[in-house]
Each structure stands twice: as structure tokens, then as C-alpha cells.
Protein backbone atom coordinates (compact mmCIF):
# COMPACT_ATOMS: atom_id res chain seq x y z
CA MET A 1 19.93 -44.67 -15.63
CA SER A 2 18.23 -44.27 -11.99
CA GLN A 3 21.61 -43.02 -10.66
CA LEU A 4 21.66 -40.18 -13.42
CA ARG A 5 17.78 -39.36 -12.56
CA SER A 6 18.53 -38.88 -8.82
CA TRP A 7 21.85 -36.68 -9.66
CA PHE A 8 19.69 -34.78 -11.92
CA THR A 9 16.87 -34.74 -9.13
CA GLU A 10 19.59 -33.56 -6.50
CA ASN A 11 21.15 -30.77 -8.67
CA SER A 12 18.33 -29.54 -10.37
CA THR A 13 19.52 -25.77 -9.62
CA LEU A 14 22.81 -26.53 -11.20
CA VAL A 15 21.52 -28.34 -13.89
CA ALA A 16 19.10 -25.36 -14.66
CA PHE A 17 22.05 -23.02 -14.20
CA LEU A 18 24.11 -24.49 -16.65
CA GLY A 19 21.06 -24.81 -19.07
CA ALA A 20 20.40 -21.00 -18.69
CA GLN A 21 24.00 -20.27 -19.22
CA SER A 22 24.48 -22.11 -22.56
CA VAL A 23 21.25 -20.52 -23.78
CA ALA A 24 22.92 -17.09 -23.00
CA ILE A 25 26.15 -18.03 -24.46
CA ILE A 26 24.22 -19.38 -27.65
CA LEU A 27 22.37 -16.20 -28.03
CA GLY A 28 25.04 -13.95 -27.19
CA ALA A 29 27.02 -15.66 -30.22
CA ALA A 30 23.90 -15.23 -32.45
CA SER A 31 23.99 -11.49 -31.44
CA LEU A 32 27.53 -10.96 -32.53
CA LEU A 33 26.91 -12.89 -35.86
CA THR A 34 24.35 -10.65 -36.46
CA TYR A 35 26.11 -7.34 -35.50
CA ALA A 36 29.16 -9.10 -37.81
CA VAL A 37 26.39 -9.44 -40.82
CA LYS A 38 25.22 -5.95 -40.41
CA LEU A 39 28.47 -4.40 -40.34
CA GLU A 40 29.21 -6.37 -43.29
CA ASN A 41 26.51 -5.08 -45.23
CA ARG A 42 26.87 -1.74 -44.10
CA VAL A 43 30.72 -1.73 -45.61
CA PHE A 44 29.56 -3.23 -48.44
CA THR A 45 27.14 -0.76 -49.48
CA MET A 46 29.50 2.23 -48.72
CA GLU A 47 31.96 0.69 -50.89
CA HIS A 48 29.66 0.60 -53.83
CA ARG A 49 27.17 3.34 -53.26
CA GLY A 50 29.33 5.46 -50.93
CA ALA A 51 31.89 6.02 -53.73
CA GLU A 52 29.35 7.81 -56.29
CA TYR A 53 27.87 9.51 -53.90
CA THR A 54 31.05 11.07 -52.47
CA VAL A 55 32.39 11.94 -56.04
CA ALA A 56 29.26 13.72 -56.95
CA ARG A 57 29.18 15.59 -53.59
CA MET A 58 32.81 16.12 -54.00
CA GLN A 59 31.81 17.74 -57.67
CA ALA A 60 29.14 19.82 -56.29
CA ILE A 61 31.50 21.20 -53.64
CA GLU A 62 33.99 22.23 -56.36
CA GLN A 63 31.42 23.65 -58.64
CA ARG A 64 30.48 26.08 -55.52
CA ILE A 65 33.75 27.01 -55.12
CA THR A 66 34.14 27.81 -58.44
CA VAL A 67 31.24 30.00 -58.50
CA THR A 68 32.39 31.90 -55.24
CA GLU A 69 35.97 32.24 -56.92
CA GLN A 70 34.14 34.11 -59.83
CA ARG A 71 32.09 36.21 -57.65
CA ILE A 72 34.85 37.63 -55.81
CA GLU A 73 37.12 38.38 -58.96
CA GLN A 74 34.10 40.10 -60.11
CA ASN A 75 33.63 42.17 -57.06
CA THR A 76 37.48 42.52 -56.81
CA ARG A 77 37.30 44.48 -60.12
CA SER A 78 34.11 46.28 -59.32
CA ILE A 79 35.84 47.59 -55.76
CA GLU A 80 39.07 48.47 -57.78
CA ARG A 81 36.95 50.62 -60.30
CA VAL A 82 35.17 52.12 -57.78
CA VAL A 83 38.31 53.28 -55.90
CA ASP A 84 39.83 54.31 -59.20
CA ALA A 85 36.80 56.53 -60.01
CA LEU A 86 36.59 58.00 -56.27
CA THR A 87 40.39 58.79 -56.04
CA ARG A 88 40.83 59.84 -59.80
CA ASP A 89 39.82 63.65 -58.66
CA ILE A 90 41.66 63.72 -55.15
CA PRO A 91 44.75 65.86 -55.65
CA VAL A 92 47.71 63.99 -54.54
CA PRO A 93 50.07 66.22 -52.17
CA ARG A 94 53.68 66.78 -53.70
CA PRO A 95 56.61 66.32 -51.76
CA ALA A 96 57.91 69.20 -49.90
CA PRO A 97 61.46 69.69 -50.91
CA ALA A 98 64.32 68.37 -48.70
CA PRO A 99 66.36 71.02 -47.07
CA ARG A 100 70.05 71.48 -47.94
């Protein structure tokens, strides 16, 4: 026992370094475990809540696209009516007869 104590006193720097290194390794492993648990929790949340949210969001986007397409069709019809009304009274020149 006295040899062990004398070895520890002679190599106190080495013992302190090894102790600090083992504490750092344990803290690193705990940090990795914490990160893995948080990541798994996020994945679980996205799998359960994210799907519903994504579907609702896509439906809202599709609804806006449908409304936009309807407005485009209405605007196209309005433009065609305006163009027809404005070009109705324009005389169309007849092509000149071809020379023989």
C-alpha cells in the first residue's frame, strides 16, 4: 500500500491528467447521448406533426393556385372582349389583286 501511495505522489501530474481525461471522455459521451436524444425527438415530432402540417400547407398552396388560375381565365376573357370591341370597327384592308 505504501508503494502505491508513493507512486501516486511521484506521478501526481500523470494521475491528475488521466483523471481529467476520463472526465472529458465521460462528458463528451454524455454530450453525444444528449444530442442523439434531441435529434431523435425532433425526428419523432416531424414524423407525427410535420406530415399534418405539410399536408395543410400544400392544400393552402393548391387553393391559392386554383384562385390564381381562375383570375387568369377571367382576365383573359376580359382582355379578349376588350380587344374584340376595339378592333370591331377597324377596317380590314383587302389584299391587292395579284398581277398577271
